[in-house]
C-alpha atoms as a PDB file:
ATOM      1  CA  ILE A   1      81.495  85.360 116.188  1.00  0.00           C
ATOM      2  CA  ASN A   2      84.169  84.516 118.701  1.00  0.00           C
ATOM      3  CA  GLN A   3      85.927  82.582 115.821  1.00  0.00           C
ATOM      4  CA  ILE A   4      84.963  85.613 113.442  1.00  0.00           C
ATOM      5  CA  ASP A   5      86.537  88.180 115.917  1.00  0.00           C
ATOM      6  CA  LYS A   6      89.451  86.253 115.822  1.00  0.00           C
ATOM      7  CA  GLU A   7      89.953  86.020 113.216  1.00  0.00           C
ATOM      8  CA  ILE A   8      89.542  89.908 112.728  1.00  0.00           C
ATOM      9  CA  VAL A   9      92.184  90.793 115.536  1.00  0.00           C
ATOM     10  CA  ARG A  10      94.612  87.940 114.027  1.00  0.00           C
ATOM     11  CA  LYS A  11      94.293  89.432 110.025  1.00  0.00           C
ATOM     12  CA  LEU A  12      94.332  93.285 111.650  1.00  0.00           C
ATOM     13  CA  ASN A  13      97.912  92.022 113.185  1.00  0.00           C
ATOM     14  CA  GLU A  14      99.073  90.383 110.154  1.00  0.00           C
ATOM     15  CA  ARG A  15      98.641  93.937 108.448  1.00  0.00           C
ATOM     16  CA  ALA A  16      99.835  95.780 111.424  1.00  0.00           C
ATOM     17  CA  ALA A  17     103.337  93.408 110.674  1.00  0.00           C
ATOM     18  CA  VAL A  18     103.089  94.249 107.253  1.00  0.00           C
ATOM     19  CA  VAL A  19     103.189  98.031 107.457  1.00  0.00           C
ATOM     20  CA  LEU A  20     106.103  97.992 110.168  1.00  0.00           C
ATOM     21  CA  ALA A  21     107.886  95.961 107.922  1.00  0.00           C
ATOM     22  CA  ILE A  22     107.284  98.253 104.630  1.00  0.00           C
ATOM     23  CA  LYS A  23     107.775 100.906 107.515  1.00  0.00           C
ATOM     24  CA  GLU A  24     111.562  99.726 107.586  1.00  0.00           C
ATOM     25  CA  LEU A  25     112.238  99.195 103.641  1.00  0.00           C
ATOM     26  CA  LYS A  26     110.369 102.719 102.471  1.00  0.00           C
ATOM     27  CA  SER A  27     112.631 104.488 105.616  1.00  0.00           C
ATOM     28  CA  LYS A  28     116.417 102.254 103.620  1.00  0.00           C
ATOM     29  CA  ALA A  29     115.153 103.650 100.800  1.00  0.00           C
ATOM     30  CA  GLN A  30     113.833 106.708 101.815  1.00  0.00           C
ATOM     31  CA  ILE A  31     110.583 107.216 100.459  1.00  0.00           C
ATOM     32  CA  PRO A  32     108.171 108.863 102.793  1.00  0.00           C
ATOM     33  CA  LEU A  33     105.632 106.981 104.553  1.00  0.00           C
ATOM     34  CA  TYR A  34     102.361 108.918 103.260  1.00  0.00           C
ATOM     35  CA  ASP A  35     101.509 108.035 100.114  1.00  0.00           C
ATOM     36  CA  PRO A  36      97.737 110.024  99.303  1.00  0.00           C
ATOM     37  CA  ARG A  37      97.264 107.885  95.992  1.00  0.00           C
ATOM     38  CA  ARG A  38      98.196 104.564  97.858  1.00  0.00           C
ATOM     39  CA  GLU A  39      95.175 105.382 100.469  1.00  0.00           C
ATOM     40  CA  GLU A  40      92.546 106.431  97.864  1.00  0.00           C
ATOM     41  CA  GLU A  41      93.753 102.757  96.070  1.00  0.00           C
ATOM     42  CA  ILE A  42      92.893 100.790  99.149  1.00  0.00           C
ATOM     43  CA  PHE A  43      89.498 102.749  99.429  1.00  0.00           C
ATOM     44  CA  GLU A  44      88.796 101.403  95.698  1.00  0.00           C
ATOM     45  CA  ASN A  45      90.009  97.886  96.676  1.00  0.00           C
ATOM     46  CA  ILE A  46      87.804  97.647  99.671  1.00  0.00           C
ATOM     47  CA  SER A  47      84.526  98.995  97.919  1.00  0.00           C
ATOM     48  CA  GLU A  48      85.462  96.779  95.078  1.00  0.00           C
ATOM     49  CA  ALA A  49      85.667  93.844  97.168  1.00  0.00           C
ATOM     50  CA  ASN A  50      82.734  94.691  99.117  1.00  0.00           C
ATOM     51  CA  GLU A  51      79.517  92.774  98.696  1.00  0.00           C
ATOM     52  CA  GLY A  52      77.303  93.797 101.304  1.00  0.00           C
ATOM     53  CA  PRO A  53      75.174  93.806 103.576  1.00  0.00           C
ATOM     54  CA  LEU A  54      77.109  96.584 104.774  1.00  0.00           C
ATOM     55  CA  PHE A  55      77.674  99.463 102.654  1.00  0.00           C
ATOM     56  CA  ASP A  56      80.604 101.019 101.367  1.00  0.00           C
ATOM     57  CA  ASP A  57      80.504 104.141 103.999  1.00  0.00           C
ATOM     58  CA  ALA A  58      80.460 101.676 106.620  1.00  0.00           C
ATOM     59  CA  VAL A  59      83.197  99.876 105.738  1.00  0.00           C
ATOM     60  CA  ARG A  60      85.818 102.958 104.851  1.00  0.00           C
ATOM     61  CA  GLU A  61      84.794 104.496 108.263  1.00  0.00           C
ATOM     62  CA  VAL A  62      85.812 101.591 108.980  1.00  0.00           C
ATOM     63  CA  TYR A  63      89.356 101.792 106.773  1.00  0.00           C
ATOM     64  CA  GLU A  64      89.523 104.929 108.192  1.00  0.00           C
ATOM     65  CA  ARG A  65      89.885 104.374 111.313  1.00  0.00           C
ATOM     66  CA  ILE A  66      92.220 100.809 110.327  1.00  0.00           C
ATOM     67  CA  LEU A  67      94.259 103.356 108.863  1.00  0.00           C
ATOM     68  CA  HIS A  68      94.822 105.702 110.796  1.00  0.00           C
ATOM     69  CA  THR A  69      96.163 102.844 113.397  1.00  0.00           C
ATOM     70  CA  MET A  70      98.295 102.027 110.832  1.00  0.00           C
ATOM     71  CA  LYS A  71      99.786 105.535 110.903  1.00  0.00           C
ATOM     72  CA  ASP A  72      99.940 105.820 114.422  1.00  0.00           C
ATOM     73  CA  LEU A  73     101.831 102.261 114.252  1.00  0.00           C
ATOM     74  CA  GLU A  74     104.822 103.386 112.104  1.00  0.00           C
ATOM     75  CA  GLN A  75     104.928 106.833 113.754  1.00  0.00           C
ATOM     76  CA  LYS A  76     105.563 104.293 116.941  1.00  0.00           C
END
């Protein structure tokens, strides 16, 4: 469990670094940061990738929190 938790934290930070890089690119190109279609695409992708035993609703709830945290990071 400890190793899995460390990997999750590493991957979340890796995702955050990519989010910040995309923020920079979007800023230079004057593209809005938030794209609701992209967010729905993320939810569709995670639902397709979910093989259980977690239910899709539970995975979506976790990802809603992840995306909220990433949006907060973009605002700083």
